[in-house]
Amino acid sequence: MKPGELETWLETDDSKAVGQHSGGGESVGHESGRRIIGLLRRKRAELTDRDYAHMRKVVGYVHRHMAQRPKGDVSQTKWRYSLMNWGHDPLKGS
């Protein structure tokens, strides 16, 4: 997802409702999505080792979650919404 798309998505109720919430706060995926926006808007030369570590975490999450794709139409599922919080819309194909 592009930074603007992800930013708009993260403002939705569906985005805020999915994922693991610690103590009623923001979900891990939602927090990650906000961080991803910042990473996508920075120049490569500005990225730190910590930024690259987070990107590896995101890629790992997306790969694991994609392997758990449910059968049928996934357009309005928590599975898809969770992936979108991490910056990946499985209906877009990339």
N, C-alpha and C. Protein backbone atom coordinates (compact mmCIF):
# COMPACT_ATOMS: atom_id res chain seq x y z
N MET A 1 0.84 -1.18 0.00
CA MET A 1 0.00 0.00 0.00
C MET A 1 0.88 1.24 0.00
N LYS A 2 0.42 2.27 -0.65
CA LYS A 2 1.14 3.54 -0.65
C LYS A 2 0.91 4.24 0.69
N PRO A 3 1.83 5.13 1.08
CA PRO A 3 1.70 5.79 2.38
C PRO A 3 0.35 6.46 2.60
N GLY A 4 -0.16 7.17 1.61
CA GLY A 4 -1.45 7.85 1.74
C GLY A 4 -2.60 6.88 1.91
N GLU A 5 -2.55 5.77 1.17
CA GLU A 5 -3.58 4.73 1.29
C GLU A 5 -3.58 4.14 2.69
N LEU A 6 -2.39 3.82 3.17
CA LEU A 6 -2.26 3.22 4.49
C LEU A 6 -2.72 4.20 5.57
N GLU A 7 -2.36 5.44 5.42
CA GLU A 7 -2.76 6.47 6.38
C GLU A 7 -4.29 6.58 6.45
N THR A 8 -4.93 6.60 5.30
CA THR A 8 -6.40 6.67 5.25
C THR A 8 -7.01 5.42 5.87
N TRP A 9 -6.47 4.24 5.54
CA TRP A 9 -6.97 2.98 6.08
C TRP A 9 -6.88 2.97 7.61
N LEU A 10 -5.75 3.42 8.15
CA LEU A 10 -5.55 3.36 9.59
C LEU A 10 -6.53 4.23 10.38
N GLU A 11 -7.20 5.14 9.71
CA GLU A 11 -8.19 5.99 10.37
C GLU A 11 -9.57 5.33 10.46
N THR A 12 -9.75 4.20 9.80
CA THR A 12 -11.07 3.55 9.77
C THR A 12 -11.32 2.74 11.04
N ASP A 13 -12.59 2.54 11.34
CA ASP A 13 -12.98 1.72 12.49
C ASP A 13 -12.56 0.26 12.28
N ASP A 14 -12.65 -0.24 11.04
CA ASP A 14 -12.25 -1.62 10.76
C ASP A 14 -10.78 -1.82 11.07
N SER A 15 -9.95 -0.86 10.73
CA SER A 15 -8.53 -0.95 11.01
C SER A 15 -8.26 -0.99 12.51
N LYS A 16 -8.95 -0.16 13.23
CA LYS A 16 -8.73 -0.06 14.68
C LYS A 16 -9.28 -1.25 15.45
N ALA A 17 -10.19 -2.00 14.85
CA ALA A 17 -10.86 -3.10 15.54
C ALA A 17 -10.10 -4.42 15.49
N VAL A 18 -9.17 -4.57 14.56
CA VAL A 18 -8.49 -5.86 14.41
C VAL A 18 -7.12 -5.87 15.07
N GLY A 19 -6.62 -7.07 15.31
CA GLY A 19 -5.28 -7.23 15.85
C GLY A 19 -5.26 -7.44 17.34
N GLN A 20 -4.05 -7.67 17.85
CA GLN A 20 -3.86 -7.87 19.28
C GLN A 20 -3.74 -6.52 19.97
N HIS A 21 -4.67 -6.27 20.89
CA HIS A 21 -4.66 -5.03 21.65
C HIS A 21 -4.14 -5.32 23.06
N SER A 22 -3.13 -4.59 23.45
CA SER A 22 -2.61 -4.78 24.80
C SER A 22 -3.26 -3.76 25.74
N GLY A 23 -4.03 -4.26 26.68
CA GLY A 23 -4.67 -3.39 27.66
C GLY A 23 -5.67 -2.41 27.07
N GLY A 24 -6.30 -2.77 25.96
CA GLY A 24 -7.30 -1.90 25.35
C GLY A 24 -6.72 -0.79 24.49
N GLY A 25 -5.40 -0.73 24.36
CA GLY A 25 -4.77 0.31 23.55
C GLY A 25 -4.70 -0.06 22.09
N GLU A 26 -3.81 0.58 21.40
CA GLU A 26 -3.62 0.37 19.97
C GLU A 26 -3.06 -1.03 19.71
N SER A 27 -3.52 -1.67 18.64
CA SER A 27 -3.01 -3.00 18.30
C SER A 27 -1.59 -2.91 17.78
N VAL A 28 -0.90 -4.03 17.85
CA VAL A 28 0.48 -4.12 17.37
C VAL A 28 0.55 -3.78 15.88
N GLY A 29 -0.38 -4.32 15.10
CA GLY A 29 -0.39 -4.07 13.67
C GLY A 29 -0.69 -2.63 13.33
N HIS A 30 -1.60 -2.02 14.07
CA HIS A 30 -1.95 -0.62 13.83
C HIS A 30 -0.75 0.29 14.11
N GLU A 31 -0.06 0.02 15.20
CA GLU A 31 1.14 0.78 15.54
C GLU A 31 2.21 0.59 14.46
N SER A 32 2.35 -0.65 13.99
CA SER A 32 3.31 -0.94 12.94
C SER A 32 2.96 -0.17 11.67
N GLY A 33 1.67 -0.12 11.34
CA GLY A 33 1.24 0.62 10.15
C GLY A 33 1.64 2.08 10.20
N ARG A 34 1.49 2.69 11.38
CA ARG A 34 1.90 4.10 11.51
C ARG A 34 3.40 4.24 11.29
N ARG A 35 4.17 3.28 11.79
CA ARG A 35 5.62 3.32 11.60
C ARG A 35 5.98 3.10 10.13
N ILE A 36 5.27 2.21 9.47
CA ILE A 36 5.52 1.92 8.06
C ILE A 36 5.34 3.18 7.21
N ILE A 37 4.32 3.97 7.51
CA ILE A 37 4.09 5.21 6.78
C ILE A 37 5.34 6.09 6.83
N GLY A 38 5.88 6.23 8.02
CA GLY A 38 7.10 7.04 8.17
C GLY A 38 8.27 6.47 7.39
N LEU A 39 8.42 5.16 7.41
CA LEU A 39 9.52 4.52 6.69
C LEU A 39 9.38 4.72 5.18
N LEU A 40 8.16 4.59 4.68
CA LEU A 40 7.94 4.74 3.25
C LEU A 40 8.18 6.18 2.77
N ARG A 41 8.05 7.11 3.66
CA ARG A 41 8.21 8.52 3.28
C ARG A 41 9.64 9.02 3.45
N ARG A 42 10.51 8.17 3.97
CA ARG A 42 11.91 8.58 4.15
C ARG A 42 12.78 8.10 3.01
N LYS A 43 13.88 8.78 2.83
CA LYS A 43 14.86 8.37 1.83
C LYS A 43 15.65 7.20 2.37
N ARG A 44 16.06 6.33 1.48
CA ARG A 44 16.79 5.13 1.87
C ARG A 44 18.01 5.46 2.73
N ALA A 45 18.71 6.53 2.40
CA ALA A 45 19.92 6.92 3.14
C ALA A 45 19.61 7.32 4.59
N GLU A 46 18.37 7.63 4.87
CA GLU A 46 17.96 8.05 6.21
C GLU A 46 17.55 6.88 7.11
N LEU A 47 17.42 5.69 6.54
CA LEU A 47 16.96 4.54 7.30
C LEU A 47 18.06 4.00 8.21
N THR A 48 17.66 3.59 9.40
CA THR A 48 18.60 3.05 10.38
C THR A 48 18.53 1.53 10.42
N ASP A 49 19.45 0.93 11.15
CA ASP A 49 19.41 -0.52 11.34
C ASP A 49 18.09 -0.93 12.00
N ARG A 50 17.61 -0.13 12.91
CA ARG A 50 16.33 -0.40 13.59
C ARG A 50 15.17 -0.37 12.59
N ASP A 51 15.23 0.55 11.64
CA ASP A 51 14.21 0.63 10.59
C ASP A 51 14.22 -0.64 9.73
N TYR A 52 15.40 -1.08 9.35
CA TYR A 52 15.51 -2.30 8.54
C TYR A 52 15.03 -3.51 9.32
N ALA A 53 15.29 -3.55 10.62
CA ALA A 53 14.81 -4.65 11.45
C ALA A 53 13.28 -4.66 11.47
N HIS A 54 12.68 -3.49 11.54
CA HIS A 54 11.22 -3.43 11.53
C HIS A 54 10.68 -3.90 10.17
N MET A 55 11.32 -3.51 9.10
CA MET A 55 10.88 -3.94 7.78
C MET A 55 10.96 -5.46 7.65
N ARG A 56 12.00 -6.08 8.22
CA ARG A 56 12.10 -7.54 8.19
C ARG A 56 10.95 -8.17 9.00
N LYS A 57 10.60 -7.54 10.12
CA LYS A 57 9.48 -8.01 10.94
C LYS A 57 8.18 -7.95 10.14
N VAL A 58 7.98 -6.87 9.39
CA VAL A 58 6.78 -6.69 8.57
C VAL A 58 6.71 -7.77 7.50
N VAL A 59 7.80 -7.99 6.81
CA VAL A 59 7.84 -9.00 5.74
C VAL A 59 7.54 -10.38 6.33
N GLY A 60 8.12 -10.69 7.47
CA GLY A 60 7.86 -11.97 8.12
C GLY A 60 6.39 -12.14 8.48
N TYR A 61 5.80 -11.09 9.05
CA TYR A 61 4.39 -11.14 9.42
C TYR A 61 3.52 -11.38 8.18
N VAL A 62 3.77 -10.62 7.13
CA VAL A 62 2.96 -10.74 5.92
C VAL A 62 3.08 -12.15 5.34
N HIS A 63 4.28 -12.68 5.28
CA HIS A 63 4.47 -14.04 4.74
C HIS A 63 3.71 -15.07 5.56
N ARG A 64 3.82 -14.99 6.89
CA ARG A 64 3.12 -15.96 7.75
C ARG A 64 1.61 -15.82 7.61
N HIS A 65 1.14 -14.60 7.60
CA HIS A 65 -0.31 -14.36 7.55
C HIS A 65 -0.89 -14.76 6.19
N MET A 66 -0.16 -14.52 5.12
CA MET A 66 -0.64 -14.91 3.78
C MET A 66 -0.80 -16.43 3.68
N ALA A 67 0.04 -17.16 4.39
CA ALA A 67 -0.05 -18.63 4.37
C ALA A 67 -1.31 -19.13 5.07
N GLN A 68 -1.97 -18.27 5.83
CA GLN A 68 -3.17 -18.64 6.57
C GLN A 68 -4.45 -18.12 5.90
N ARG A 69 -4.36 -17.81 4.63
CA ARG A 69 -5.50 -17.24 3.91
C ARG A 69 -6.73 -18.14 4.02
N PRO A 70 -7.84 -17.57 4.48
CA PRO A 70 -9.07 -18.37 4.56
C PRO A 70 -9.66 -18.60 3.18
N LYS A 71 -10.51 -19.59 3.08
CA LYS A 71 -11.18 -19.88 1.81
C LYS A 71 -12.30 -18.88 1.58
N GLY A 72 -12.63 -18.69 0.33
CA GLY A 72 -13.75 -17.83 -0.03
C GLY A 72 -13.37 -16.37 -0.18
N ASP A 73 -14.38 -15.55 -0.15
CA ASP A 73 -14.22 -14.11 -0.33
C ASP A 73 -13.60 -13.51 0.94
N VAL A 74 -12.45 -12.88 0.79
CA VAL A 74 -11.75 -12.31 1.95
C VAL A 74 -11.85 -10.79 2.02
N SER A 75 -12.66 -10.21 1.15
CA SER A 75 -12.68 -8.74 1.03
C SER A 75 -13.07 -8.01 2.31
N GLN A 76 -13.92 -8.61 3.14
CA GLN A 76 -14.34 -7.94 4.37
C GLN A 76 -14.07 -8.83 5.58
N THR A 77 -12.83 -9.32 5.67
CA THR A 77 -12.46 -10.21 6.76
C THR A 77 -11.42 -9.57 7.66
N LYS A 78 -11.39 -10.04 8.90
CA LYS A 78 -10.36 -9.58 9.83
C LYS A 78 -8.97 -9.95 9.32
N TRP A 79 -8.89 -11.08 8.62
CA TRP A 79 -7.61 -11.53 8.05
C TRP A 79 -7.05 -10.45 7.11
N ARG A 80 -7.87 -9.98 6.20
CA ARG A 80 -7.43 -8.94 5.25
C ARG A 80 -7.14 -7.63 5.99
N TYR A 81 -8.02 -7.25 6.88
CA TYR A 81 -7.85 -5.98 7.59
C TYR A 81 -6.56 -5.97 8.41
N SER A 82 -6.23 -7.10 9.00
CA SER A 82 -4.99 -7.20 9.76
C SER A 82 -3.78 -7.00 8.84
N LEU A 83 -3.80 -7.64 7.69
CA LEU A 83 -2.71 -7.47 6.73
C LEU A 83 -2.61 -6.01 6.26
N MET A 84 -3.74 -5.40 6.07
CA MET A 84 -3.73 -4.00 5.62
C MET A 84 -3.11 -3.10 6.68
N ASN A 85 -3.32 -3.40 7.95
CA ASN A 85 -2.67 -2.62 9.01
C ASN A 85 -1.15 -2.69 8.90
N TRP A 86 -0.66 -3.79 8.37
CA TRP A 86 0.78 -3.98 8.20
C TRP A 86 1.25 -3.51 6.81
N GLY A 87 0.37 -2.83 6.09
CA GLY A 87 0.76 -2.23 4.82
C GLY A 87 0.59 -3.09 3.59
N HIS A 88 -0.11 -4.22 3.73
CA HIS A 88 -0.28 -5.11 2.58
C HIS A 88 -1.76 -5.42 2.36
N ASP A 89 -2.27 -5.08 1.19
CA ASP A 89 -3.65 -5.43 0.84
C ASP A 89 -3.60 -6.64 -0.08
N PRO A 90 -4.00 -7.82 0.40
CA PRO A 90 -3.90 -9.02 -0.42
C PRO A 90 -4.78 -8.99 -1.67
N LEU A 91 -5.74 -8.10 -1.74
CA LEU A 91 -6.59 -8.01 -2.93
C LEU A 91 -5.92 -7.20 -4.04
N LYS A 92 -4.85 -6.52 -3.74
CA LYS A 92 -4.13 -5.73 -4.74
C LYS A 92 -3.05 -6.55 -5.44
N GLY A 93 -2.71 -7.69 -4.90
CA GLY A 93 -1.75 -8.56 -5.57
C GLY A 93 -0.30 -8.22 -5.36
N SER A 94 0.01 -7.12 -4.71
CA SER A 94 1.43 -6.82 -4.45
C SER A 94 1.59 -6.13 -3.14
